[in-house]
C-alpha atoms as a PDB file:
ATOM      1  CA  UNK A   1      58.935 313.386 140.459  1.00  0.00           C
ATOM      2  CA  UNK A   2      60.344 316.869 140.049  1.00  0.00           C
ATOM      3  CA  UNK A   3      62.132 315.860 136.809  1.00  0.00           C
ATOM      4  CA  UNK A   4      65.357 317.666 137.649  1.00  0.00           C
ATOM      5  CA  UNK A   5      63.662 320.985 138.446  1.00  0.00           C
ATOM      6  CA  UNK A   6      64.517 321.016 142.179  1.00  0.00           C
ATOM      7  CA  UNK A   7      67.697 319.078 142.873  1.00  0.00           C
ATOM      8  CA  UNK A   8      70.317 316.908 141.219  1.00  0.00           C
ATOM      9  CA  UNK A   9      70.282 313.349 142.536  1.00  0.00           C
ATOM     10  CA  UNK A  10      73.797 312.046 143.084  1.00  0.00           C
ATOM     11  CA  UNK A  11      72.991 308.743 144.777  1.00  0.00           C
ATOM     12  CA  UNK A  12      69.904 306.606 145.230  1.00  0.00           C
ATOM     13  CA  UNK A  13      69.168 303.474 147.237  1.00  0.00           C
ATOM     14  CA  UNK A  14      66.948 300.964 145.468  1.00  0.00           C
ATOM     15  CA  UNK A  15      64.804 298.139 146.761  1.00  0.00           C
ATOM     16  CA  UNK A  16      65.029 295.265 144.297  1.00  0.00           C
ATOM     17  CA  UNK A  17      62.353 292.664 143.719  1.00  0.00           C
ATOM     18  CA  UNK A  18      63.210 289.031 143.000  1.00  0.00           C
ATOM     19  CA  UNK A  19      62.978 287.903 139.391  1.00  0.00           C
ATOM     20  CA  UNK A  20      60.141 285.461 138.781  1.00  0.00           C
ATOM     21  CA  UNK A  21      61.773 282.154 137.909  1.00  0.00           C
ATOM     22  CA  UNK A  22      59.100 280.581 135.699  1.00  0.00           C
ATOM     23  CA  UNK A  23      56.711 282.345 133.316  1.00  0.00           C
ATOM     24  CA  UNK A  24      53.867 281.603 130.958  1.00  0.00           C
ATOM     25  CA  UNK A  25      52.186 283.896 128.418  1.00  0.00           C
ATOM     26  CA  UNK A  26      48.520 283.821 127.452  1.00  0.00           C
ATOM     27  CA  UNK A  27      47.177 285.890 124.553  1.00  0.00           C
ATOM     28  CA  UNK A  28      43.509 286.858 124.730  1.00  0.00           C
ATOM     29  CA  UNK A  29      41.965 288.114 121.477  1.00  0.00           C
ATOM     30  CA  UNK A  30      39.029 290.512 121.095  1.00  0.00           C
ATOM     31  CA  UNK A  31      37.108 292.252 118.292  1.00  0.00           C
ATOM     32  CA  UNK A  32      38.884 295.553 119.021  1.00  0.00           C
ATOM     33  CA  UNK A  33      41.243 297.209 121.470  1.00  0.00           C
ATOM     34  CA  UNK A  34      38.453 298.797 123.531  1.00  0.00           C
ATOM     35  CA  UNK A  35      36.908 295.376 124.151  1.00  0.00           C
ATOM     36  CA  UNK A  36      40.335 294.223 125.309  1.00  0.00           C
ATOM     37  CA  UNK A  37      40.418 297.177 127.692  1.00  0.00           C
ATOM     38  CA  UNK A  38      36.993 296.212 129.032  1.00  0.00           C
ATOM     39  CA  UNK A  39      38.360 292.820 130.092  1.00  0.00           C
ATOM     40  CA  UNK A  40      41.328 294.109 132.103  1.00  0.00           C
ATOM     41  CA  UNK A  41      39.427 294.099 135.444  1.00  0.00           C
ATOM     42  CA  UNK A  42      38.602 290.421 134.926  1.00  0.00           C
ATOM     43  CA  UNK A  43      42.257 289.526 134.357  1.00  0.00           C
ATOM     44  CA  UNK A  44      43.815 291.533 137.201  1.00  0.00           C
ATOM     45  CA  UNK A  45      42.575 289.248 140.044  1.00  0.00           C
ATOM     46  CA  UNK A  46      44.814 286.534 138.556  1.00  0.00           C
ATOM     47  CA  UNK A  47      47.832 288.654 139.567  1.00  0.00           C
ATOM     48  CA  UNK A  48      49.676 288.835 136.239  1.00  0.00           C
ATOM     49  CA  UNK A  49      53.284 289.948 136.378  1.00  0.00           C
ATOM     50  CA  UNK A  50      52.615 291.800 133.114  1.00  0.00           C
ATOM     51  CA  UNK A  51      49.389 292.740 131.350  1.00  0.00           C
ATOM     52  CA  UNK A  52      49.937 294.442 128.003  1.00  0.00           C
ATOM     53  CA  UNK A  53      47.518 295.518 125.274  1.00  0.00           C
ATOM     54  CA  UNK A  54      48.028 295.963 121.540  1.00  0.00           C
ATOM     55  CA  UNK A  55      45.714 296.684 118.634  1.00  0.00           C
ATOM     56  CA  UNK A  56      45.438 295.476 115.055  1.00  0.00           C
ATOM     57  CA  UNK A  57      46.983 298.681 113.689  1.00  0.00           C
ATOM     58  CA  UNK A  58      50.205 297.964 115.545  1.00  0.00           C
ATOM     59  CA  UNK A  59      50.210 294.392 114.260  1.00  0.00           C
ATOM     60  CA  UNK A  60      49.565 295.545 110.683  1.00  0.00           C
ATOM     61  CA  UNK A  61      52.358 298.122 110.911  1.00  0.00           C
ATOM     62  CA  UNK A  62      54.770 295.426 112.070  1.00  0.00           C
ATOM     63  CA  UNK A  63      53.732 293.248 109.139  1.00  0.00           C
ATOM     64  CA  UNK A  64      54.300 296.102 106.694  1.00  0.00           C
ATOM     65  CA  UNK A  65      57.745 296.716 108.168  1.00  0.00           C
ATOM     66  CA  UNK A  66      58.549 292.982 108.158  1.00  0.00           C
ATOM     67  CA  UNK A  67      59.037 292.869 111.923  1.00  0.00           C
ATOM     68  CA  UNK A  68      58.766 289.536 113.756  1.00  0.00           C
ATOM     69  CA  UNK A  69      56.888 287.607 111.038  1.00  0.00           C
ATOM     70  CA  UNK A  70      57.414 284.299 112.854  1.00  0.00           C
ATOM     71  CA  UNK A  71      55.659 285.675 115.949  1.00  0.00           C
ATOM     72  CA  UNK A  72      52.847 287.520 114.178  1.00  0.00           C
ATOM     73  CA  UNK A  73      51.939 284.303 112.398  1.00  0.00           C
ATOM     74  CA  UNK A  74      51.171 282.755 115.794  1.00  0.00           C
ATOM     75  CA  UNK A  75      48.809 285.501 116.965  1.00  0.00           C
ATOM     76  CA  UNK A  76      45.195 284.365 117.363  1.00  0.00           C
ATOM     77  CA  UNK A  77      42.735 286.228 115.085  1.00  0.00           C
ATOM     78  CA  UNK A  78      41.365 289.481 116.449  1.00  0.00           C
ATOM     79  CA  UNK A  79      41.333 293.260 116.376  1.00  0.00           C
ATOM     80  CA  UNK A  80      42.844 293.736 119.831  1.00  0.00           C
ATOM     81  CA  UNK A  81      44.808 291.582 122.239  1.00  0.00           C
ATOM     82  CA  UNK A  82      45.765 291.306 125.876  1.00  0.00           C
ATOM     83  CA  UNK A  83      49.146 289.718 126.473  1.00  0.00           C
ATOM     84  CA  UNK A  84      49.057 288.262 129.975  1.00  0.00           C
ATOM     85  CA  UNK A  85      52.245 287.014 131.584  1.00  0.00           C
ATOM     86  CA  UNK A  86      51.873 284.872 134.690  1.00  0.00           C
ATOM     87  CA  UNK A  87      54.604 283.413 136.818  1.00  0.00           C
ATOM     88  CA  UNK A  88      55.716 281.374 139.775  1.00  0.00           C
ATOM     89  CA  UNK A  89      58.725 279.860 141.470  1.00  0.00           C
ATOM     90  CA  UNK A  90      58.393 276.717 139.359  1.00  0.00           C
ATOM     91  CA  UNK A  91      57.206 275.842 135.878  1.00  0.00           C
ATOM     92  CA  UNK A  92      54.282 273.976 137.425  1.00  0.00           C
ATOM     93  CA  UNK A  93      53.166 277.076 139.339  1.00  0.00           C
ATOM     94  CA  UNK A  94      53.345 279.270 136.240  1.00  0.00           C
ATOM     95  CA  UNK A  95      51.424 276.771 134.129  1.00  0.00           C
ATOM     96  CA  UNK A  96      48.792 276.369 136.845  1.00  0.00           C
ATOM     97  CA  UNK A  97      48.292 280.144 136.995  1.00  0.00           C
ATOM     98  CA  UNK A  98      47.854 280.248 133.220  1.00  0.00           C
ATOM     99  CA  UNK A  99      45.353 277.390 133.358  1.00  0.00           C
ATOM    100  CA  UNK A 100      43.281 279.157 136.018  1.00  0.00           C
ATOM    101  CA  UNK A 101      43.112 282.294 133.880  1.00  0.00           C
ATOM    102  CA  UNK A 102      42.143 280.360 130.752  1.00  0.00           C
ATOM    103  CA  UNK A 103      39.446 278.423 132.600  1.00  0.00           C
ATOM    104  CA  UNK A 104      38.018 281.641 134.032  1.00  0.00           C
ATOM    105  CA  UNK A 105      37.759 283.529 130.739  1.00  0.00           C
ATOM    106  CA  UNK A 106      36.396 280.517 128.852  1.00  0.00           C
ATOM    107  CA  UNK A 107      33.808 279.842 131.535  1.00  0.00           C
ATOM    108  CA  UNK A 108      32.172 283.179 130.778  1.00  0.00           C
ATOM    109  CA  UNK A 109      32.219 282.696 127.012  1.00  0.00           C
ATOM    110  CA  UNK A 110      35.026 285.186 126.735  1.00  0.00           C
ATOM    111  CA  UNK A 111      37.792 285.954 124.255  1.00  0.00           C
ATOM    112  CA  UNK A 112      39.864 283.732 122.028  1.00  0.00           C
ATOM    113  CA  UNK A 113      42.796 282.173 123.860  1.00  0.00           C
ATOM    114  CA  UNK A 114      46.289 281.121 122.818  1.00  0.00           C
ATOM    115  CA  UNK A 115      48.882 279.958 125.318  1.00  0.00           C
ATOM    116  CA  UNK A 116      52.663 280.130 124.968  1.00  0.00           C
ATOM    117  CA  UNK A 117      54.823 278.035 127.282  1.00  0.00           C
ATOM    118  CA  UNK A 118      57.901 277.620 125.095  1.00  0.00           C
ATOM    119  CA  UNK A 119      60.643 280.105 125.989  1.00  0.00           C
ATOM    120  CA  UNK A 120      61.436 280.927 122.365  1.00  0.00           C
ATOM    121  CA  UNK A 121      57.759 281.605 121.648  1.00  0.00           C
ATOM    122  CA  UNK A 122      57.504 283.805 124.729  1.00  0.00           C
ATOM    123  CA  UNK A 123      60.520 285.864 123.697  1.00  0.00           C
ATOM    124  CA  UNK A 124      59.108 286.288 120.198  1.00  0.00           C
ATOM    125  CA  UNK A 125      55.740 287.471 121.506  1.00  0.00           C
ATOM    126  CA  UNK A 126      57.401 289.946 123.863  1.00  0.00           C
ATOM    127  CA  UNK A 127      59.360 291.293 120.908  1.00  0.00           C
ATOM    128  CA  UNK A 128      56.061 292.067 119.154  1.00  0.00           C
ATOM    129  CA  UNK A 129      54.928 294.221 122.064  1.00  0.00           C
ATOM    130  CA  UNK A 130      58.325 295.815 122.686  1.00  0.00           C
ATOM    131  CA  UNK A 131      58.510 296.920 119.050  1.00  0.00           C
ATOM    132  CA  UNK A 132      55.466 299.155 119.471  1.00  0.00           C
ATOM    133  CA  UNK A 133      57.325 302.455 119.298  1.00  0.00           C
ATOM    134  CA  UNK A 134      59.541 301.491 116.390  1.00  0.00           C
ATOM    135  CA  UNK A 135      56.656 299.906 114.497  1.00  0.00           C
ATOM    136  CA  UNK A 136      54.343 302.916 114.732  1.00  0.00           C
ATOM    137  CA  UNK A 137      56.970 305.469 113.675  1.00  0.00           C
ATOM    138  CA  UNK A 138      57.633 306.053 109.973  1.00  0.00           C
ATOM    139  CA  UNK A 139      55.318 303.414 108.520  1.00  0.00           C
ATOM    140  CA  UNK A 140      55.760 303.107 104.726  1.00  0.00           C
ATOM    141  CA  UNK A 141      52.954 304.911 102.911  1.00  0.00           C
ATOM    142  CA  UNK A 142      51.667 306.625 106.069  1.00  0.00           C
ATOM    143  CA  UNK A 143      52.176 310.058 107.589  1.00  0.00           C
ATOM    144  CA  UNK A 144      55.007 310.519 110.069  1.00  0.00           C
ATOM    145  CA  UNK A 145      53.878 310.098 113.659  1.00  0.00           C
ATOM    146  CA  UNK A 146      55.047 311.898 116.779  1.00  0.00           C
ATOM    147  CA  UNK A 147      54.775 311.816 120.529  1.00  0.00           C
ATOM    148  CA  UNK A 148      52.668 314.424 122.317  1.00  0.00           C
ATOM    149  CA  UNK A 149      49.962 312.289 123.904  1.00  0.00           C
ATOM    150  CA  UNK A 150      51.892 309.054 124.212  1.00  0.00           C
ATOM    151  CA  UNK A 151      51.556 308.205 127.896  1.00  0.00           C
ATOM    152  CA  UNK A 152      48.084 308.856 129.286  1.00  0.00           C
ATOM    153  CA  UNK A 153      46.684 306.604 132.007  1.00  0.00           C
ATOM    154  CA  UNK A 154      43.278 306.013 133.570  1.00  0.00           C
ATOM    155  CA  UNK A 155      41.978 303.635 136.250  1.00  0.00           C
ATOM    156  CA  UNK A 156      42.087 300.133 134.707  1.00  0.00           C
ATOM    157  CA  UNK A 157      38.392 299.578 135.374  1.00  0.00           C
ATOM    158  CA  UNK A 158      37.596 302.524 133.068  1.00  0.00           C
ATOM    159  CA  UNK A 159      40.128 301.718 130.367  1.00  0.00           C
ATOM    160  CA  UNK A 160      37.758 300.336 127.718  1.00  0.00           C
ATOM    161  CA  UNK A 161      35.518 303.405 127.692  1.00  0.00           C
ATOM    162  CA  UNK A 162      38.528 305.726 127.675  1.00  0.00           C
ATOM    163  CA  UNK A 163      39.927 303.946 124.619  1.00  0.00           C
ATOM    164  CA  UNK A 164      36.609 304.404 122.811  1.00  0.00           C
ATOM    165  CA  UNK A 165      36.499 308.107 123.603  1.00  0.00           C
ATOM    166  CA  UNK A 166      40.144 308.574 122.648  1.00  0.00           C
ATOM    167  CA  UNK A 167      39.521 306.805 119.343  1.00  0.00           C
ATOM    168  CA  UNK A 168      36.571 309.122 118.678  1.00  0.00           C
ATOM    169  CA  UNK A 169      38.843 312.090 119.343  1.00  0.00           C
ATOM    170  CA  UNK A 170      41.412 310.671 116.913  1.00  0.00           C
ATOM    171  CA  UNK A 171      38.731 310.413 114.240  1.00  0.00           C
ATOM    172  CA  UNK A 172      37.470 313.930 114.867  1.00  0.00           C
ATOM    173  CA  UNK A 173      40.959 315.286 114.171  1.00  0.00           C
ATOM    174  CA  UNK A 174      41.724 312.948 111.272  1.00  0.00           C
ATOM    175  CA  UNK A 175      44.216 310.864 113.243  1.00  0.00           C
ATOM    176  CA  UNK A 176      42.714 307.440 112.508  1.00  0.00           C
ATOM    177  CA  UNK A 177      46.213 306.144 111.765  1.00  0.00           C
ATOM    178  CA  UNK A 178      47.165 306.265 115.465  1.00  0.00           C
ATOM    179  CA  UNK A 179      47.664 302.865 117.081  1.00  0.00           C
ATOM    180  CA  UNK A 180      46.818 302.131 120.720  1.00  0.00           C
ATOM    181  CA  UNK A 181      48.876 299.836 122.930  1.00  0.00           C
ATOM    182  CA  UNK A 182      50.505 299.907 126.347  1.00  0.00           C
ATOM    183  CA  UNK A 183      50.633 298.649 129.910  1.00  0.00           C
ATOM    184  CA  UNK A 184      46.937 297.922 130.260  1.00  0.00           C
ATOM    185  CA  UNK A 185      47.263 296.379 133.710  1.00  0.00           C
ATOM    186  CA  UNK A 186      48.125 299.880 134.932  1.00  0.00           C
ATOM    187  CA  UNK A 187      45.682 301.615 132.574  1.00  0.00           C
ATOM    188  CA  UNK A 188      48.610 303.187 130.690  1.00  0.00           C
ATOM    189  CA  UNK A 189      48.144 303.843 126.962  1.00  0.00           C
ATOM    190  CA  UNK A 190      50.894 304.528 124.424  1.00  0.00           C
ATOM    191  CA  UNK A 191      50.394 305.926 120.942  1.00  0.00           C
ATOM    192  CA  UNK A 192      52.052 308.004 118.240  1.00  0.00           C
ATOM    193  CA  UNK A 193      49.940 310.512 116.350  1.00  0.00           C
ATOM    194  CA  UNK A 194      50.357 311.937 112.809  1.00  0.00           C
ATOM    195  CA  UNK A 195      50.577 315.578 113.868  1.00  0.00           C
ATOM    196  CA  UNK A 196      51.618 318.026 111.157  1.00  0.00           C
ATOM    197  CA  UNK A 197      54.253 320.004 113.028  1.00  0.00           C
ATOM    198  CA  UNK A 198      55.788 321.921 110.124  1.00  0.00           C
ATOM    199  CA  UNK A 199      52.909 324.349 109.482  1.00  0.00           C
ATOM    200  CA  UNK A 200      51.178 326.949 111.628  1.00  0.00           C
ATOM    201  CA  UNK A 201      47.796 325.268 111.123  1.00  0.00           C
ATOM    202  CA  UNK A 202      49.278 321.908 112.037  1.00  0.00           C
ATOM    203  CA  UNK A 203      50.823 323.237 115.237  1.00  0.00           C
ATOM    204  CA  UNK A 204      47.498 324.846 116.182  1.00  0.00           C
ATOM    205  CA  UNK A 205      45.771 321.520 115.593  1.00  0.00           C
ATOM    206  CA  UNK A 206      48.406 319.802 117.742  1.00  0.00           C
ATOM    207  CA  UNK A 207      47.708 322.174 120.636  1.00  0.00           C
ATOM    208  CA  UNK A 208      43.946 321.853 120.239  1.00  0.00           C
ATOM    209  CA  UNK A 209      44.082 318.063 120.244  1.00  0.00           C
ATOM    210  CA  UNK A 210      46.336 317.817 123.290  1.00  0.00           C
ATOM    211  CA  UNK A 211      44.143 320.222 125.264  1.00  0.00           C
ATOM    212  CA  UNK A 212      41.041 318.197 124.371  1.00  0.00           C
ATOM    213  CA  UNK A 213      42.797 314.936 125.233  1.00  0.00           C
ATOM    214  CA  UNK A 214      43.852 316.399 128.590  1.00  0.00           C
ATOM    215  CA  UNK A 215      40.244 317.300 129.381  1.00  0.00           C
ATOM    216  CA  UNK A 216      39.224 313.775 128.425  1.00  0.00           C
ATOM    217  CA  UNK A 217      41.719 312.012 130.674  1.00  0.00           C
ATOM    218  CA  UNK A 218      40.871 314.303 133.602  1.00  0.00           C
ATOM    219  CA  UNK A 219      37.200 313.408 133.174  1.00  0.00           C
ATOM    220  CA  UNK A 220      38.210 309.774 133.725  1.00  0.00           C
ATOM    221  CA  UNK A 221      40.182 310.568 136.876  1.00  0.00           C
ATOM    222  CA  UNK A 222      43.401 309.753 135.051  1.00  0.00           C
ATOM    223  CA  UNK A 223      46.855 311.192 134.475  1.00  0.00           C
ATOM    224  CA  UNK A 224      48.549 312.826 131.496  1.00  0.00           C
ATOM    225  CA  UNK A 225      51.701 310.785 132.122  1.00  0.00           C
ATOM    226  CA  UNK A 226      51.501 307.212 133.297  1.00  0.00           C
ATOM    227  CA  UNK A 227      55.252 306.624 133.388  1.00  0.00           C
ATOM    228  CA  UNK A 228      57.195 309.069 131.204  1.00  0.00           C
ATOM    229  CA  UNK A 229      56.928 312.322 133.145  1.00  0.00           C
ATOM    230  CA  UNK A 230      55.334 315.631 132.162  1.00  0.00           C
ATOM    231  CA  UNK A 231      58.257 317.884 131.239  1.00  0.00           C
ATOM    232  CA  UNK A 232      57.455 320.591 128.715  1.00  0.00           C
ATOM    233  CA  UNK A 233      55.037 318.442 126.727  1.00  0.00           C
ATOM    234  CA  UNK A 234      52.418 318.408 129.463  1.00  0.00           C
ATOM    235  CA  UNK A 235      53.645 320.822 132.135  1.00  0.00           C
ATOM    236  CA  UNK A 236      51.352 323.564 130.862  1.00  0.00           C
ATOM    237  CA  UNK A 237      48.374 321.221 131.225  1.00  0.00           C
ATOM    238  CA  UNK A 238      48.930 320.278 134.863  1.00  0.00           C
ATOM    239  CA  UNK A 239      46.565 322.992 136.062  1.00  0.00           C
ATOM    240  CA  UNK A 240      43.730 320.973 134.504  1.00  0.00           C
ATOM    241  CA  UNK A 241      44.611 318.029 136.718  1.00  0.00           C
ATOM    242  CA  UNK A 242      45.653 319.748 139.958  1.00  0.00           C
ATOM    243  CA  UNK A 243      43.868 323.116 139.897  1.00  0.00           C
ATOM    244  CA  UNK A 244      45.199 326.653 140.383  1.00  0.00           C
ATOM    245  CA  UNK A 245      45.822 326.389 144.131  1.00  0.00           C
ATOM    246  CA  UNK A 246      48.070 323.330 143.934  1.00  0.00           C
ATOM    247  CA  UNK A 247      49.925 324.686 140.898  1.00  0.00           C
ATOM    248  CA  UNK A 248      50.703 327.898 142.792  1.00  0.00           C
ATOM    249  CA  UNK A 249      52.003 325.763 145.661  1.00  0.00           C
ATOM    250  CA  UNK A 250      54.229 323.872 143.208  1.00  0.00           C
ATOM    251  CA  UNK A 251      55.663 327.212 142.089  1.00  0.00           C
ATOM    252  CA  UNK A 252      56.371 328.403 145.631  1.00  0.00           C
ATOM    253  CA  UNK A 253      57.980 325.082 146.501  1.00  0.00           C
ATOM    254  CA  UNK A 254      60.278 325.221 143.466  1.00  0.00           C
ATOM    255  CA  UNK A 255      61.286 328.787 144.346  1.00  0.00           C
ATOM    256  CA  UNK A 256      62.626 327.557 147.699  1.00  0.00           C
ATOM    257  CA  UNK A 257      65.043 325.132 146.034  1.00  0.00           C
ATOM    258  CA  UNK A 258      65.690 327.033 142.808  1.00  0.00           C
ATOM    259  CA  UNK A 259      64.955 330.760 143.178  1.00  0.00           C
ATOM    260  CA  UNK A 260      66.766 331.631 139.929  1.00  0.00           C
ATOM    261  CA  UNK A 261      64.979 328.938 137.870  1.00  0.00           C
ATOM    262  CA  UNK A 262      68.233 327.324 136.762  1.00  0.00           C
ATOM    263  CA  UNK A 263      67.239 323.687 137.308  1.00  0.00           C
ATOM    264  CA  UNK A 264      65.852 322.275 134.061  1.00  0.00           C
ATOM    265  CA  UNK A 265      63.977 325.495 133.205  1.00  0.00           C
ATOM    266  CA  UNK A 266      60.720 325.342 131.303  1.00  0.00           C
ATOM    267  CA  UNK A 267      59.889 321.838 132.501  1.00  0.00           C
ATOM    268  CA  UNK A 268      56.977 321.193 134.845  1.00  0.00           C
ATOM    269  CA  UNK A 269      57.139 324.466 136.792  1.00  0.00           C
ATOM    270  CA  UNK A 270      56.994 327.083 135.381  1.00  0.00           C
ATOM    271  CA  UNK A 271      56.533 325.383 131.994  1.00  0.00           C
ATOM    272  CA  UNK A 272      57.247 326.574 128.501  1.00  0.00           C
ATOM    273  CA  UNK A 273      54.165 326.524 126.248  1.00  0.00           C
ATOM    274  CA  UNK A 274      53.608 322.984 124.980  1.00  0.00           C
ATOM    275  CA  UNK A 275      53.798 324.156 121.350  1.00  0.00           C
ATOM    276  CA  UNK A 276      57.106 326.013 121.716  1.00  0.00           C
ATOM    277  CA  UNK A 277      60.644 324.642 121.348  1.00  0.00           C
ATOM    278  CA  UNK A 278      59.366 321.924 119.035  1.00  0.00           C
ATOM    279  CA  UNK A 279      61.903 319.679 117.355  1.00  0.00           C
ATOM    280  CA  UNK A 280      60.326 320.634 114.020  1.00  0.00           C
ATOM    281  CA  UNK A 281      57.994 323.636 114.087  1.00  0.00           C
ATOM    282  CA  UNK A 282      57.024 326.239 111.507  1.00  0.00           C
ATOM    283  CA  UNK A 283      60.566 327.578 111.088  1.00  0.00           C
ATOM    284  CA  UNK A 284      62.244 324.174 110.845  1.00  0.00           C
ATOM    285  CA  UNK A 285      64.870 323.877 108.115  1.00  0.00           C
ATOM    286  CA  UNK A 286      66.833 320.662 108.093  1.00  0.00           C
ATOM    287  CA  UNK A 287      69.840 321.990 106.173  1.00  0.00           C
ATOM    288  CA  UNK A 288      70.646 318.883 104.153  1.00  0.00           C
ATOM    289  CA  UNK A 289      74.183 317.824 103.365  1.00  0.00           C
ATOM    290  CA  UNK A 290      75.622 316.044 100.340  1.00  0.00           C
ATOM    291  CA  UNK A 291      76.037 312.315 100.912  1.00  0.00           C
ATOM    292  CA  UNK A 292      77.222 309.303  98.958  1.00  0.00           C
ATOM    293  CA  UNK A 293      74.181 307.253  99.937  1.00  0.00           C
ATOM    294  CA  UNK A 294      70.901 308.014  98.176  1.00  0.00           C
ATOM    295  CA  UNK A 295      68.389 307.474 101.038  1.00  0.00           C
ATOM    296  CA  UNK A 296      65.599 306.548  98.596  1.00  0.00           C
ATOM    297  CA  UNK A 297      63.055 305.902 101.370  1.00  0.00           C
ATOM    298  CA  UNK A 298      63.616 309.393 102.763  1.00  0.00           C
ATOM    299  CA  UNK A 299      63.293 311.463  99.614  1.00  0.00           C
ATOM    300  CA  UNK A 300      67.059 311.530  99.207  1.00  0.00           C
ATOM    301  CA  UNK A 301      67.369 313.505 102.444  1.00  0.00           C
ATOM    302  CA  UNK A 302      69.937 312.551 105.070  1.00  0.00           C
ATOM    303  CA  UNK A 303      68.309 314.913 107.574  1.00  0.00           C
ATOM    304  CA  UNK A 304      64.935 313.267 107.095  1.00  0.00           C
ATOM    305  CA  UNK A 305      66.572 309.881 107.604  1.00  0.00           C
ATOM    306  CA  UNK A 306      67.940 311.120 110.940  1.00  0.00           C
ATOM    307  CA  UNK A 307      64.357 311.728 112.100  1.00  0.00           C
ATOM    308  CA  UNK A 308      63.779 307.976 111.922  1.00  0.00           C
ATOM    309  CA  UNK A 309      65.477 307.583 115.298  1.00  0.00           C
ATOM    310  CA  UNK A 310      62.902 307.400 118.099  1.00  0.00           C
ATOM    311  CA  UNK A 311      65.454 306.720 120.816  1.00  0.00           C
ATOM    312  CA  UNK A 312      64.664 303.115 121.767  1.00  0.00           C
ATOM    313  CA  UNK A 313      68.331 302.145 121.589  1.00  0.00           C
ATOM    314  CA  UNK A 314      68.071 299.000 119.478  1.00  0.00           C
ATOM    315  CA  UNK A 315      71.332 300.117 117.896  1.00  0.00           C
ATOM    316  CA  UNK A 316      73.119 299.608 121.230  1.00  0.00           C
ATOM    317  CA  UNK A 317      73.777 295.937 120.615  1.00  0.00           C
ATOM    318  CA  UNK A 318      76.891 294.222 121.845  1.00  0.00           C
ATOM    319  CA  UNK A 319      76.729 291.239 119.506  1.00  0.00           C
ATOM    320  CA  UNK A 320      74.769 289.947 116.515  1.00  0.00           C
ATOM    321  CA  UNK A 321      73.389 291.761 113.496  1.00  0.00           C
ATOM    322  CA  UNK A 322      74.871 294.795 111.787  1.00  0.00           C
ATOM    323  CA  UNK A 323      73.740 297.554 114.165  1.00  0.00           C
ATOM    324  CA  UNK A 324      75.789 299.312 115.307  1.00  0.00           C
ATOM    325  CA  UNK A 325      79.426 298.387 114.532  1.00  0.00           C
ATOM    326  CA  UNK A 326      80.956 301.551 115.972  1.00  0.00           C
ATOM    327  CA  UNK A 327      79.035 301.062 119.218  1.00  0.00           C
ATOM    328  CA  UNK A 328      80.079 297.408 119.383  1.00  0.00           C
ATOM    329  CA  UNK A 329      83.708 298.525 119.362  1.00  0.00           C
ATOM    330  CA  UNK A 330      83.575 301.628 121.568  1.00  0.00           C
ATOM    331  CA  UNK A 331      80.544 300.917 123.815  1.00  0.00           C
ATOM    332  CA  UNK A 332      80.025 304.691 123.851  1.00  0.00           C
ATOM    333  CA  UNK A 333      76.585 306.245 123.312  1.00  0.00           C
ATOM    334  CA  UNK A 334      77.970 309.040 121.130  1.00  0.00           C
ATOM    335  CA  UNK A 335      79.158 306.436 118.623  1.00  0.00           C
ATOM    336  CA  UNK A 336      75.827 304.610 118.433  1.00  0.00           C
ATOM    337  CA  UNK A 337      73.324 305.377 115.693  1.00  0.00           C
ATOM    338  CA  UNK A 338      71.087 306.983 118.305  1.00  0.00           C
ATOM    339  CA  UNK A 339      73.923 309.090 119.650  1.00  0.00           C
ATOM    340  CA  UNK A 340      74.820 310.393 116.204  1.00  0.00           C
ATOM    341  CA  UNK A 341      71.193 311.216 115.377  1.00  0.00           C
ATOM    342  CA  UNK A 342      70.981 313.405 118.464  1.00  0.00           C
END
């Protein structure tokens, strides 16, 4: 959409879809994540209600951060996985759909298969996938990772080759640490990349990589943003995808609604440069404060500890655990850990 650059939406009417009553999860294991991407077109005709991909780097990061050990222990061996959720109105329908998928992939001598029908197991396996963002940020012993190319998407039938080319680009820039996962049924790929955003050379490398990645995804007939929007991060790149004529039309259209450029300026149209207004940047100084706590995993820096927040909102719990007591009492975002970090 226009991402707040044209109008402010005050009301919206939604069309809701019924919740699938019964579900079953099948994990398919492959030698690597690109091979998993290759198999997406074979899975889609089985009409999964979710088709997610995750690689061995993500799994290893979760192990190192002690996330979901009971679920990771149940993963079939492999270097990349497809998590396929099938459903129906009854348990029998969901199980039958899972059986048809398993029979089809085994008939062709395909991937390793592990099926989860127990609700607790299913919830645990979903937690593995849903922890992707938190698991790939701030891994002990690794460089800090950042967004910047975290939402590209290509046609699902071309996903495997795109993942190979993207991995080659990672290696060219020294970003082998980057994990690949996402909504593979839609060809959408998530990742966090160890950009060095505190030096001039690092920021130049960031820009160079993103421009190269944009050219790559365009060559596959894909999109810079599968679900997150373009904003400032990719607004400058849209000309690569749409061309000069359409971009000029975007500008004229915005001028009709917002002639003074007051609506979310710098996002989408006309965009700020993608390497400006960075959260860190060359001139970043965190201005530490004295604290009672030592923050040993953050070099004794409270400000560095604040950067751990990636905004997923796991601190907004209403019961259970120790995060976040002030939110549990007030139910106000500003009193959550995420709210304070912002």
